[in-house]
């Protein structure tokens, strides 16, 4: 009996530690990925990253209902031109979307980059 209680409580406790993985609305392509925080975020679909890696065609969807927010070619701009960033791993470089621009992580830690 004690063994089964231990197994039950262990299973119950481990369920609480699992992070909730976001599931996109069913009408969105399966290639979308979500970026956001507790307050919300967006679903992103990267169609193409230009070979020179300074622009990308991206579609952004609302995180709750999957409605289209924007779909366009975004161009990368950085504040320090001599440390110009490139799009390398776009999923790990996107910080978020503010309604106009995509905030982008800079690899040098100095320049501020956005996709707009």
PDB file of N, CA and C in Angstrom:
ATOM      1  N   UNK A   1       0.821  -1.190   0.000  1.00  0.00           N
ATOM      2  CA  UNK A   1       0.000   0.000   0.000  1.00  0.00           C
ATOM      3  C   UNK A   1       0.871   1.263   0.000  1.00  0.00           C
ATOM      4  N   UNK A   2       1.919   1.288   0.823  1.00  0.00           N
ATOM      5  CA  UNK A   2       2.807   2.436   0.909  1.00  0.00           C
ATOM      6  C   UNK A   2       3.499   2.677  -0.429  1.00  0.00           C
ATOM      7  N   UNK A   3       3.848   1.590  -1.103  1.00  0.00           N
ATOM      8  CA  UNK A   3       4.505   1.700  -2.404  1.00  0.00           C
ATOM      9  C   UNK A   3       3.585   2.408  -3.402  1.00  0.00           C
ATOM     10  N   UNK A   4       2.315   2.052  -3.418  1.00  0.00           N
ATOM     11  CA  UNK A   4       1.367   2.658  -4.356  1.00  0.00           C
ATOM     12  C   UNK A   4       1.095   4.123  -4.030  1.00  0.00           C
ATOM     13  N   UNK A   5       1.075   4.452  -2.760  1.00  0.00           N
ATOM     14  CA  UNK A   5       0.897   5.855  -2.371  1.00  0.00           C
ATOM     15  C   UNK A   5       2.083   6.685  -2.847  1.00  0.00           C
ATOM     16  N   UNK A   6       3.288   6.134  -2.688  1.00  0.00           N
ATOM     17  CA  UNK A   6       4.488   6.822  -3.151  1.00  0.00           C
ATOM     18  C   UNK A   6       4.425   7.058  -4.658  1.00  0.00           C
ATOM     19  N   UNK A   7       4.055   6.032  -5.423  1.00  0.00           N
ATOM     20  CA  UNK A   7       3.958   6.148  -6.876  1.00  0.00           C
ATOM     21  C   UNK A   7       2.905   7.194  -7.248  1.00  0.00           C
ATOM     22  N   UNK A   8       1.761   7.174  -6.582  1.00  0.00           N
ATOM     23  CA  UNK A   8       0.689   8.129  -6.856  1.00  0.00           C
ATOM     24  C   UNK A   8       1.141   9.566  -6.604  1.00  0.00           C
ATOM     25  N   UNK A   9       1.748   9.827  -5.440  1.00  0.00           N
ATOM     26  CA  UNK A   9       2.179  11.180  -5.107  1.00  0.00           C
ATOM     27  C   UNK A   9       3.345  11.638  -5.983  1.00  0.00           C
ATOM     28  N   UNK A  10       4.219  10.725  -6.356  1.00  0.00           N
ATOM     29  CA  UNK A  10       5.312  11.071  -7.257  1.00  0.00           C
ATOM     30  C   UNK A  10       4.770  11.480  -8.621  1.00  0.00           C
ATOM     31  N   UNK A  11       3.816  10.729  -9.132  1.00  0.00           N
ATOM     32  CA  UNK A  11       3.200  11.057 -10.421  1.00  0.00           C
ATOM     33  C   UNK A  11       2.459  12.385 -10.346  1.00  0.00           C
ATOM     34  N   UNK A  12       1.760  12.607  -9.257  1.00  0.00           N
ATOM     35  CA  UNK A  12       1.028  13.857  -9.066  1.00  0.00           C
ATOM     36  C   UNK A  12       1.974  15.047  -8.989  1.00  0.00           C
ATOM     37  N   UNK A  13       3.069  14.900  -8.264  1.00  0.00           N
ATOM     38  CA  UNK A  13       4.043  15.985  -8.122  1.00  0.00           C
ATOM     39  C   UNK A  13       4.752  16.278  -9.434  1.00  0.00           C
ATOM     40  N   UNK A  14       5.061  15.244 -10.192  1.00  0.00           N
ATOM     41  CA  UNK A  14       5.774  15.465 -11.450  1.00  0.00           C
ATOM     42  C   UNK A  14       4.900  16.150 -12.482  1.00  0.00           C
ATOM     43  N   UNK A  15       3.592  15.993 -12.395  1.00  0.00           N
ATOM     44  CA  UNK A  15       2.701  16.685 -13.329  1.00  0.00           C
ATOM     45  C   UNK A  15       2.765  18.191 -13.126  1.00  0.00           C
ATOM     46  N   UNK A  16       2.956  18.630 -11.919  1.00  0.00           N
ATOM     47  CA  UNK A  16       3.019  20.054 -11.634  1.00  0.00           C
ATOM     48  C   UNK A  16       4.285  20.708 -12.135  1.00  0.00           C
ATOM     49  N   UNK A  17       5.311  19.929 -12.413  1.00  0.00           N
ATOM     50  CA  UNK A  17       6.584  20.495 -12.862  1.00  0.00           C
ATOM     51  C   UNK A  17       6.691  20.575 -14.372  1.00  0.00           C
ATOM     52  N   UNK A  18       5.758  19.969 -15.078  1.00  0.00           N
ATOM     53  CA  UNK A  18       5.823  20.015 -16.528  1.00  0.00           C
ATOM     54  C   UNK A  18       5.413  21.397 -16.996  1.00  0.00           C
ATOM     55  N   UNK A  19       6.203  21.949 -17.923  1.00  0.00           N
ATOM     56  CA  UNK A  19       5.846  23.255 -18.463  1.00  0.00           C
ATOM     57  C   UNK A  19       4.770  23.061 -19.526  1.00  0.00           C
ATOM     58  N   UNK A  20       3.857  23.990 -19.568  1.00  0.00           N
ATOM     59  CA  UNK A  20       2.803  23.922 -20.560  1.00  0.00           C
ATOM     60  C   UNK A  20       3.366  24.352 -21.900  1.00  0.00           C
ATOM     61  N   UNK A  21       3.288  23.450 -22.853  1.00  0.00           N
ATOM     62  CA  UNK A  21       3.757  23.777 -24.190  1.00  0.00           C
ATOM     63  C   UNK A  21       2.574  24.344 -24.959  1.00  0.00           C
ATOM     64  N   UNK A  22       2.785  25.454 -25.611  1.00  0.00           N
ATOM     65  CA  UNK A  22       1.710  26.095 -26.367  1.00  0.00           C
ATOM     66  C   UNK A  22       1.397  25.275 -27.597  1.00  0.00           C
ATOM     67  N   UNK A  23       0.115  25.135 -27.844  1.00  0.00           N
ATOM     68  CA  UNK A  23      -0.354  24.429 -29.032  1.00  0.00           C
ATOM     69  C   UNK A  23      -0.993  25.465 -29.944  1.00  0.00           C
ATOM     70  N   UNK A  24      -0.532  25.551 -31.188  1.00  0.00           N
ATOM     71  CA  UNK A  24      -1.099  26.555 -32.083  1.00  0.00           C
ATOM     72  C   UNK A  24      -2.541  26.213 -32.462  1.00  0.00           C
ATOM     73  N   UNK A  25      -3.331  27.230 -32.795  1.00  0.00           N
ATOM     74  CA  UNK A  25      -4.673  26.953 -33.308  1.00  0.00           C
ATOM     75  C   UNK A  25      -4.581  26.013 -34.510  1.00  0.00           C
ATOM     76  N   UNK A  26      -5.534  25.137 -34.656  1.00  0.00           N
ATOM     77  CA  UNK A  26      -5.445  24.069 -35.665  1.00  0.00           C
ATOM     78  C   UNK A  26      -5.384  24.571 -37.099  1.00  0.00           C
ATOM     79  N   UNK A  27      -5.847  25.792 -37.357  1.00  0.00           N
ATOM     80  CA  UNK A  27      -5.814  26.310 -38.726  1.00  0.00           C
ATOM     81  C   UNK A  27      -4.443  26.851 -39.135  1.00  0.00           C
ATOM     82  N   UNK A  28      -3.508  26.949 -38.201  1.00  0.00           N
ATOM     83  CA  UNK A  28      -2.168  27.440 -38.523  1.00  0.00           C
ATOM     84  C   UNK A  28      -1.280  26.311 -39.025  1.00  0.00           C
ATOM     85  N   UNK A  29      -0.317  26.638 -39.889  1.00  0.00           N
ATOM     86  CA  UNK A  29       0.621  25.612 -40.368  1.00  0.00           C
ATOM     87  C   UNK A  29       1.412  25.015 -39.198  1.00  0.00           C
ATOM     88  N   UNK A  30       1.801  23.778 -39.309  1.00  0.00           N
ATOM     89  CA  UNK A  30       2.509  23.123 -38.203  1.00  0.00           C
ATOM     90  C   UNK A  30       3.925  23.656 -38.011  1.00  0.00           C
ATOM     91  N   UNK A  31       4.452  24.421 -38.956  1.00  0.00           N
ATOM     92  CA  UNK A  31       5.801  24.973 -38.849  1.00  0.00           C
ATOM     93  C   UNK A  31       5.876  26.225 -37.983  1.00  0.00           C
ATOM     94  N   UNK A  32       4.731  26.742 -37.513  1.00  0.00           N
ATOM     95  CA  UNK A  32       4.758  27.971 -36.710  1.00  0.00           C
ATOM     96  C   UNK A  32       5.457  27.711 -35.381  1.00  0.00           C
ATOM     97  N   UNK A  33       6.034  28.783 -34.822  1.00  0.00           N
ATOM     98  CA  UNK A  33       6.619  28.712 -33.488  1.00  0.00           C
ATOM     99  C   UNK A  33       6.159  29.929 -32.711  1.00  0.00           C
ATOM    100  N   UNK A  34       6.049  29.770 -31.402  1.00  0.00           N
ATOM    101  CA  UNK A  34       5.516  30.812 -30.533  1.00  0.00           C
ATOM    102  C   UNK A  34       6.631  31.472 -29.755  1.00  0.00           C
ATOM    103  N   UNK A  35       6.554  32.804 -29.648  1.00  0.00           N
ATOM    104  CA  UNK A  35       7.474  33.555 -28.808  1.00  0.00           C
ATOM    105  C   UNK A  35       6.644  34.566 -28.033  1.00  0.00           C
ATOM    106  N   UNK A  36       6.838  34.584 -26.724  1.00  0.00           N
ATOM    107  CA  UNK A  36       6.100  35.511 -25.883  1.00  0.00           C
ATOM    108  C   UNK A  36       6.433  35.306 -24.427  1.00  0.00           C
ATOM    109  N   UNK A  37       5.556  35.825 -23.578  1.00  0.00           N
ATOM    110  CA  UNK A  37       5.736  35.687 -22.139  1.00  0.00           C
ATOM    111  C   UNK A  37       4.382  35.399 -21.496  1.00  0.00           C
ATOM    112  N   UNK A  38       4.260  35.602 -20.202  1.00  0.00           N
ATOM    113  CA  UNK A  38       3.021  35.300 -19.481  1.00  0.00           C
ATOM    114  C   UNK A  38       1.832  36.110 -20.001  1.00  0.00           C
ATOM    115  N   UNK A  39       2.095  37.325 -20.465  1.00  0.00           N
ATOM    116  CA  UNK A  39       1.019  38.185 -20.936  1.00  0.00           C
ATOM    117  C   UNK A  39       0.542  37.822 -22.343  1.00  0.00           C
ATOM    118  N   UNK A  40       1.336  37.099 -23.085  1.00  0.00           N
ATOM    119  CA  UNK A  40       0.957  36.720 -24.439  1.00  0.00           C
ATOM    120  C   UNK A  40       2.130  36.760 -25.380  1.00  0.00           C
ATOM    121  N   UNK A  41       1.859  36.516 -26.627  1.00  0.00           N
ATOM    122  CA  UNK A  41       2.898  36.487 -27.632  1.00  0.00           C
ATOM    123  C   UNK A  41       2.301  36.358 -29.014  1.00  0.00           C
ATOM    124  N   UNK A  42       3.090  35.846 -29.924  1.00  0.00           N
ATOM    125  CA  UNK A  42       2.658  35.676 -31.302  1.00  0.00           C
ATOM    126  C   UNK A  42       3.186  34.357 -31.852  1.00  0.00           C
ATOM    127  N   UNK A  43       2.483  33.859 -32.862  1.00  0.00           N
ATOM    128  CA  UNK A  43       2.942  32.716 -33.639  1.00  0.00           C
ATOM    129  C   UNK A  43       3.661  33.258 -34.864  1.00  0.00           C
ATOM    130  N   UNK A  44       4.823  32.712 -35.154  1.00  0.00           N
ATOM    131  CA  UNK A  44       5.648  33.158 -36.277  1.00  0.00           C
ATOM    132  C   UNK A  44       5.803  32.018 -37.277  1.00  0.00           C
ATOM    133  N   UNK A  45       5.745  32.377 -38.549  1.00  0.00           N
ATOM    134  CA  UNK A  45       6.026  31.434 -39.629  1.00  0.00           C
ATOM    135  C   UNK A  45       7.047  32.092 -40.541  1.00  0.00           C
ATOM    136  N   UNK A  46       8.233  31.534 -40.603  1.00  0.00           N
ATOM    137  CA  UNK A  46       9.303  32.067 -41.447  1.00  0.00           C
ATOM    138  C   UNK A  46       9.232  31.345 -42.787  1.00  0.00           C
ATOM    139  N   UNK A  47       8.917  32.110 -43.822  1.00  0.00           N
ATOM    140  CA  UNK A  47       8.804  31.527 -45.162  1.00  0.00           C
ATOM    141  C   UNK A  47      10.164  31.426 -45.826  1.00  0.00           C
ATOM    142  N   UNK A  48      10.964  32.481 -45.644  1.00  0.00           N
ATOM    143  CA  UNK A  48      12.259  32.510 -46.316  1.00  0.00           C
ATOM    144  C   UNK A  48      13.180  33.499 -45.616  1.00  0.00           C
ATOM    145  N   UNK A  49      14.441  33.123 -45.472  1.00  0.00           N
ATOM    146  CA  UNK A  49      15.487  34.038 -45.027  1.00  0.00           C
ATOM    147  C   UNK A  49      16.374  34.265 -46.240  1.00  0.00           C
ATOM    148  N   UNK A  50      16.577  35.519 -46.588  1.00  0.00           N
ATOM    149  CA  UNK A  50      17.358  35.855 -47.780  1.00  0.00           C
ATOM    150  C   UNK A  50      18.774  35.314 -47.647  1.00  0.00           C
ATOM    151  N   UNK A  51      19.369  34.853 -48.753  1.00  0.00           N
ATOM    152  CA  UNK A  51      20.727  34.295 -48.697  1.00  0.00           C
ATOM    153  C   UNK A  51      21.765  35.224 -48.067  1.00  0.00           C
ATOM    154  N   UNK A  52      21.587  36.537 -48.203  1.00  0.00           N
ATOM    155  CA  UNK A  52      22.521  37.481 -47.573  1.00  0.00           C
ATOM    156  C   UNK A  52      22.193  37.678 -46.101  1.00  0.00           C
ATOM    157  N   UNK A  53      21.088  37.111 -45.642  1.00  0.00           N
ATOM    158  CA  UNK A  53      20.653  37.043 -44.234  1.00  0.00           C
ATOM    159  C   UNK A  53      20.449  38.411 -43.582  1.00  0.00           C
ATOM    160  N   UNK A  54      19.984  39.371 -44.341  1.00  0.00           N
ATOM    161  CA  UNK A  54      19.633  40.647 -43.727  1.00  0.00           C
ATOM    162  C   UNK A  54      18.143  40.949 -43.875  1.00  0.00           C
ATOM    163  N   UNK A  55      17.381  39.983 -44.416  1.00  0.00           N
ATOM    164  CA  UNK A  55      15.935  40.129 -44.460  1.00  0.00           C
ATOM    165  C   UNK A  55      15.277  38.756 -44.506  1.00  0.00           C
ATOM    166  N   UNK A  56      14.017  38.755 -44.137  1.00  0.00           N
ATOM    167  CA  UNK A  56      13.269  37.500 -44.098  1.00  0.00           C
ATOM    168  C   UNK A  56      11.796  37.776 -44.348  1.00  0.00           C
ATOM    169  N   UNK A  57      11.140  36.838 -45.004  1.00  0.00           N
ATOM    170  CA  UNK A  57       9.692  36.933 -45.205  1.00  0.00           C
ATOM    171  C   UNK A  57       9.034  36.146 -44.071  1.00  0.00           C
ATOM    172  N   UNK A  58       8.247  36.864 -43.257  1.00  0.00           N
ATOM    173  CA  UNK A  58       7.667  36.279 -42.043  1.00  0.00           C
ATOM    174  C   UNK A  58       6.184  36.600 -41.968  1.00  0.00           C
ATOM    175  N   UNK A  59       5.405  35.634 -41.526  1.00  0.00           N
ATOM    176  CA  UNK A  59       3.995  35.838 -41.235  1.00  0.00           C
ATOM    177  C   UNK A  59       3.814  35.708 -39.736  1.00  0.00           C
ATOM    178  N   UNK A  60       3.054  36.641 -39.153  1.00  0.00           N
ATOM    179  CA  UNK A  60       2.822  36.653 -37.711  1.00  0.00           C
ATOM    180  C   UNK A  60       1.323  36.526 -37.455  1.00  0.00           C
ATOM    181  N   UNK A  61       0.983  35.627 -36.514  1.00  0.00           N
ATOM    182  CA  UNK A  61      -0.412  35.362 -36.170  1.00  0.00           C
ATOM    183  C   UNK A  61      -0.657  35.672 -34.690  1.00  0.00           C
ATOM    184  N   UNK A  62      -1.896  36.048 -34.385  1.00  0.00           N
ATOM    185  CA  UNK A  62      -2.330  36.258 -33.006  1.00  0.00           C
ATOM    186  C   UNK A  62      -2.203  34.951 -32.244  1.00  0.00           C
ATOM    187  N   UNK A  63      -1.721  35.024 -31.001  1.00  0.00           N
ATOM    188  CA  UNK A  63      -1.486  33.779 -30.254  1.00  0.00           C
ATOM    189  C   UNK A  63      -2.764  33.120 -29.748  1.00  0.00           C
ATOM    190  N   UNK A  64      -3.842  33.849 -29.627  1.00  0.00           N
ATOM    191  CA  UNK A  64      -5.066  33.259 -29.071  1.00  0.00           C
ATOM    192  C   UNK A  64      -5.977  32.656 -30.129  1.00  0.00           C
ATOM    193  N   UNK A  65      -6.238  33.421 -31.192  1.00  0.00           N
ATOM    194  CA  UNK A  65      -7.203  32.934 -32.178  1.00  0.00           C
ATOM    195  C   UNK A  65      -6.582  32.575 -33.524  1.00  0.00           C
ATOM    196  N   UNK A  66      -5.289  32.821 -33.691  1.00  0.00           N
ATOM    197  CA  UNK A  66      -4.606  32.460 -34.924  1.00  0.00           C
ATOM    198  C   UNK A  66      -4.859  33.394 -36.092  1.00  0.00           C
ATOM    199  N   UNK A  67      -5.501  34.539 -35.836  1.00  0.00           N
ATOM    200  CA  UNK A  67      -5.766  35.474 -36.930  1.00  0.00           C
ATOM    201  C   UNK A  67      -4.470  36.120 -37.410  1.00  0.00           C
ATOM    202  N   UNK A  68      -4.431  36.378 -38.709  1.00  0.00           N
ATOM    203  CA  UNK A  68      -3.272  37.001 -39.321  1.00  0.00           C
ATOM    204  C   UNK A  68      -3.065  38.404 -38.770  1.00  0.00           C
ATOM    205  N   UNK A  69      -1.852  38.695 -38.329  1.00  0.00           N
ATOM    206  CA  UNK A  69      -1.494  40.028 -37.860  1.00  0.00           C
ATOM    207  C   UNK A  69      -0.768  40.775 -38.978  1.00  0.00           C
ATOM    208  N   UNK A  70       0.246  40.142 -39.555  1.00  0.00           N
ATOM    209  CA  UNK A  70       1.027  40.757 -40.627  1.00  0.00           C
ATOM    210  C   UNK A  70       1.776  39.663 -41.379  1.00  0.00           C
ATOM    211  N   UNK A  71       1.997  39.898 -42.653  1.00  0.00           N
ATOM    212  CA  UNK A  71       2.789  38.986 -43.478  1.00  0.00           C
ATOM    213  C   UNK A  71       3.555  39.842 -44.473  1.00  0.00           C
ATOM    214  N   UNK A  72       4.880  39.871 -44.335  1.00  0.00           N
ATOM    215  CA  UNK A  72       5.677  40.732 -45.208  1.00  0.00           C
ATOM    216  C   UNK A  72       7.152  40.374 -45.125  1.00  0.00           C
ATOM    217  N   UNK A  73       7.931  41.047 -45.979  1.00  0.00           N
ATOM    218  CA  UNK A  73       9.378  40.918 -45.921  1.00  0.00           C
ATOM    219  C   UNK A  73       9.878  41.928 -44.895  1.00  0.00           C
ATOM    220  N   UNK A  74      10.541  41.440 -43.878  1.00  0.00           N
ATOM    221  CA  UNK A  74      11.138  42.284 -42.843  1.00  0.00           C
ATOM    222  C   UNK A  74      12.618  42.438 -43.143  1.00  0.00           C
ATOM    223  N   UNK A  75      13.118  43.668 -42.976  1.00  0.00           N
ATOM    224  CA  UNK A  75      14.532  43.956 -43.212  1.00  0.00           C
ATOM    225  C   UNK A  75      15.205  44.229 -41.872  1.00  0.00           C
ATOM    226  N   UNK A  76      16.394  43.682 -41.682  1.00  0.00           N
ATOM    227  CA  UNK A  76      17.137  43.814 -40.440  1.00  0.00           C
ATOM    228  C   UNK A  76      17.870  45.155 -40.372  1.00  0.00           C
ATOM    229  N   UNK A  77      17.645  45.884 -39.276  1.00  0.00           N
ATOM    230  CA  UNK A  77      18.325  47.153 -39.014  1.00  0.00           C
ATOM    231  C   UNK A  77      18.994  47.064 -37.648  1.00  0.00           C
ATOM    232  N   UNK A  78      20.255  47.508 -37.566  1.00  0.00           N
ATOM    233  CA  UNK A  78      20.982  47.532 -36.298  1.00  0.00           C
ATOM    234  C   UNK A  78      21.511  48.948 -36.057  1.00  0.00           C
ATOM    235  N   UNK A  79      21.650  49.326 -34.782  1.00  0.00           N
ATOM    236  CA  UNK A  79      22.075  50.681 -34.438  1.00  0.00           C
ATOM    237  C   UNK A  79      23.550  50.928 -34.708  1.00  0.00           C
ATOM    238  N   UNK A  80      24.363  49.915 -34.629  1.00  0.00           N
ATOM    239  CA  UNK A  80      25.803  50.077 -34.858  1.00  0.00           C
ATOM    240  C   UNK A  80      26.141  49.357 -36.159  1.00  0.00           C
ATOM    241  N   UNK A  81      26.366  50.119 -37.212  1.00  0.00           N
ATOM    242  CA  UNK A  81      26.526  49.518 -38.540  1.00  0.00           C
ATOM    243  C   UNK A  81      27.784  48.669 -38.675  1.00  0.00           C
ATOM    244  N   UNK A  82      28.847  49.035 -37.965  1.00  0.00           N
ATOM    245  CA  UNK A  82      30.075  48.232 -38.100  1.00  0.00           C
ATOM    246  C   UNK A  82      29.959  46.867 -37.416  1.00  0.00           C
ATOM    247  N   UNK A  83      28.985  46.718 -36.523  1.00  0.00           N
ATOM    248  CA  UNK A  83      28.729  45.431 -35.878  1.00  0.00           C
ATOM    249  C   UNK A  83      27.429  44.824 -36.403  1.00  0.00           C
ATOM    250  N   UNK A  84      27.186  45.007 -37.671  1.00  0.00           N
ATOM    251  CA  UNK A  84      25.924  44.594 -38.278  1.00  0.00           C
ATOM    252  C   UNK A  84      25.668  43.100 -38.078  1.00  0.00           C
ATOM    253  N   UNK A  85      24.535  42.806 -37.532  1.00  0.00           N
ATOM    254  CA  UNK A  85      24.126  41.427 -37.306  1.00  0.00           C
ATOM    255  C   UNK A  85      23.617  40.788 -38.581  1.00  0.00           C
ATOM    256  N   UNK A  86      23.608  39.487 -38.586  1.00  0.00           N
ATOM    257  CA  UNK A  86      22.972  38.726 -39.650  1.00  0.00           C
ATOM    258  C   UNK A  86      21.943  37.803 -39.027  1.00  0.00           C
ATOM    259  N   UNK A  87      20.981  37.420 -39.824  1.00  0.00           N
ATOM    260  CA  UNK A  87      20.004  36.443 -39.368  1.00  0.00           C
ATOM    261  C   UNK A  87      20.674  35.081 -39.470  1.00  0.00           C
ATOM    262  N   UNK A  88      20.896  34.458 -38.334  1.00  0.00           N
ATOM    263  CA  UNK A  88      21.550  33.150 -38.317  1.00  0.00           C
ATOM    264  C   UNK A  88      20.561  32.061 -37.931  1.00  0.00           C
ATOM    265  N   UNK A  89      20.033  32.124 -36.724  1.00  0.00           N
ATOM    266  CA  UNK A  89      19.022  31.177 -36.245  1.00  0.00           C
ATOM    267  C   UNK A  89      17.832  32.016 -35.796  1.00  0.00           C
ATOM    268  N   UNK A  90      16.950  32.294 -36.718  1.00  0.00           N
ATOM    269  CA  UNK A  90      15.894  33.276 -36.485  1.00  0.00           C
ATOM    270  C   UNK A  90      15.009  32.924 -35.292  1.00  0.00           C
ATOM    271  N   UNK A  91      14.764  31.639 -35.048  1.00  0.00           N
ATOM    272  CA  UNK A  91      13.925  31.240 -33.903  1.00  0.00           C
ATOM    273  C   UNK A  91      14.544  31.659 -32.575  1.00  0.00           C
ATOM    274  N   UNK A  92      15.847  31.586 -32.474  1.00  0.00           N
ATOM    275  CA  UNK A  92      16.491  31.956 -31.217  1.00  0.00           C
ATOM    276  C   UNK A  92      16.835  33.441 -31.145  1.00  0.00           C
ATOM    277  N   UNK A  93      16.752  34.154 -32.266  1.00  0.00           N
ATOM    278  CA  UNK A  93      17.112  35.559 -32.279  1.00  0.00           C
ATOM    279  C   UNK A  93      15.923  36.494 -32.058  1.00  0.00           C
ATOM    280  N   UNK A  94      14.708  36.028 -32.320  1.00  0.00           N
ATOM    281  CA  UNK A  94      13.533  36.880 -32.141  1.00  0.00           C
ATOM    282  C   UNK A  94      13.219  37.019 -30.660  1.00  0.00           C
ATOM    283  N   UNK A  95      13.056  38.275 -30.226  1.00  0.00           N
ATOM    284  CA  UNK A  95      12.652  38.558 -28.844  1.00  0.00           C
ATOM    285  C   UNK A  95      11.157  38.789 -28.728  1.00  0.00           C
ATOM    286  N   UNK A  96      10.565  39.411 -29.724  1.00  0.00           N
ATOM    287  CA  UNK A  96       9.140  39.687 -29.679  1.00  0.00           C
ATOM    288  C   UNK A  96       8.724  40.645 -30.774  1.00  0.00           C
ATOM    289  N   UNK A  97       7.423  40.882 -30.854  1.00  0.00           N
ATOM    290  CA  UNK A  97       6.838  41.752 -31.865  1.00  0.00           C
ATOM    291  C   UNK A  97       6.035  42.829 -31.165  1.00  0.00           C
ATOM    292  N   UNK A  98       6.248  44.102 -31.561  1.00  0.00           N
ATOM    293  CA  UNK A  98       5.554  45.211 -30.907  1.00  0.00           C
ATOM    294  C   UNK A  98       4.400  45.784 -31.726  1.00  0.00           C
ATOM    295  N   UNK A  99       4.029  45.118 -32.782  1.00  0.00           N
ATOM    296  CA  UNK A  99       2.963  45.598 -33.650  1.00  0.00           C
ATOM    297  C   UNK A  99       3.482  46.199 -34.938  1.00  0.00           C
ATOM    298  N   UNK A 100       4.754  46.596 -34.948  1.00  0.00           N
ATOM    299  CA  UNK A 100       5.386  47.159 -36.146  1.00  0.00           C
ATOM    300  C   UNK A 100       6.710  46.491 -36.461  1.00  0.00           C
ATOM    301  N   UNK A 101       7.503  46.272 -35.431  1.00  0.00           N
ATOM    302  CA  UNK A 101       8.836  45.706 -35.636  1.00  0.00           C
ATOM    303  C   UNK A 101       9.021  44.443 -34.797  1.00  0.00           C
ATOM    304  N   UNK A 102       9.910  43.610 -35.268  1.00  0.00           N
ATOM    305  CA  UNK A 102      10.296  42.414 -34.525  1.00  0.00           C
ATOM    306  C   UNK A 102      11.590  42.747 -33.810  1.00  0.00           C
ATOM    307  N   UNK A 103      11.576  42.673 -32.484  1.00  0.00           N
ATOM    308  CA  UNK A 103      12.792  42.916 -31.717  1.00  0.00           C
ATOM    309  C   UNK A 103      13.690  41.703 -31.865  1.00  0.00           C
ATOM    310  N   UNK A 104      14.975  41.980 -32.051  1.00  0.00           N
ATOM    311  CA  UNK A 104      15.927  40.948 -32.452  1.00  0.00           C
ATOM    312  C   UNK A 104      17.125  40.954 -31.529  1.00  0.00           C
ATOM    313  N   UNK A 105      17.582  39.798 -31.099  1.00  0.00           N
ATOM    314  CA  UNK A 105      18.776  39.687 -30.249  1.00  0.00           C
ATOM    315  C   UNK A 105      20.016  40.014 -31.085  1.00  0.00           C
ATOM    316  N   UNK A 106      20.897  40.805 -30.509  1.00  0.00           N
ATOM    317  CA  UNK A 106      22.151  41.085 -31.197  1.00  0.00           C
ATOM    318  C   UNK A 106      23.208  40.110 -30.706  1.00  0.00           C
ATOM    319  N   UNK A 107      24.029  39.648 -31.617  1.00  0.00           N
ATOM    320  CA  UNK A 107      25.059  38.681 -31.237  1.00  0.00           C
ATOM    321  C   UNK A 107      26.213  39.345 -30.497  1.00  0.00           C
ATOM    322  N   UNK A 108      26.424  40.645 -30.741  1.00  0.00           N
ATOM    323  CA  UNK A 108      27.540  41.322 -30.084  1.00  0.00           C
ATOM    324  C   UNK A 108      27.166  41.884 -28.723  1.00  0.00           C
ATOM    325  N   UNK A 109      25.876  41.925 -28.406  1.00  0.00           N
ATOM    326  CA  UNK A 109      25.423  42.429 -27.110  1.00  0.00           C
ATOM    327  C   UNK A 109      25.452  43.939 -26.995  1.00  0.00           C
ATOM    328  N   UNK A 110      25.855  44.633 -28.042  1.00  0.00           N
ATOM    329  CA  UNK A 110      25.966  46.096 -28.009  1.00  0.00           C
ATOM    330  C   UNK A 110      24.905  46.764 -28.888  1.00  0.00           C
ATOM    331  N   UNK A 111      24.742  46.254 -30.095  1.00  0.00           N
ATOM    332  CA  UNK A 111      23.817  46.894 -31.012  1.00  0.00           C
ATOM    333  C   UNK A 111      22.381  46.465 -30.725  1.00  0.00           C
ATOM    334  N   UNK A 112      21.471  47.353 -31.052  1.00  0.00           N
ATOM    335  CA  UNK A 112      20.050  47.050 -30.944  1.00  0.00           C
ATOM    336  C   UNK A 112      19.569  46.793 -32.361  1.00  0.00           C
ATOM    337  N   UNK A 113      19.011  45.616 -32.567  1.00  0.00           N
ATOM    338  CA  UNK A 113      18.566  45.257 -33.908  1.00  0.00           C
ATOM    339  C   UNK A 113      17.062  45.008 -33.917  1.00  0.00           C
ATOM    340  N   UNK A 114      16.447  45.352 -35.046  1.00  0.00           N
ATOM    341  CA  UNK A 114      15.028  45.096 -35.244  1.00  0.00           C
ATOM    342  C   UNK A 114      14.832  44.647 -36.689  1.00  0.00           C
ATOM    343  N   UNK A 115      13.766  43.924 -36.879  1.00  0.00           N
ATOM    344  CA  UNK A 115      13.300  43.613 -38.223  1.00  0.00           C
ATOM    345  C   UNK A 115      12.092  44.499 -38.468  1.00  0.00           C
ATOM    346  N   UNK A 116      12.146  45.324 -39.523  1.00  0.00           N
ATOM    347  CA  UNK A 116      10.980  46.158 -39.825  1.00  0.00           C
ATOM    348  C   UNK A 116      10.757  46.249 -41.317  1.00  0.00           C
TER     349      UNK A 116
END
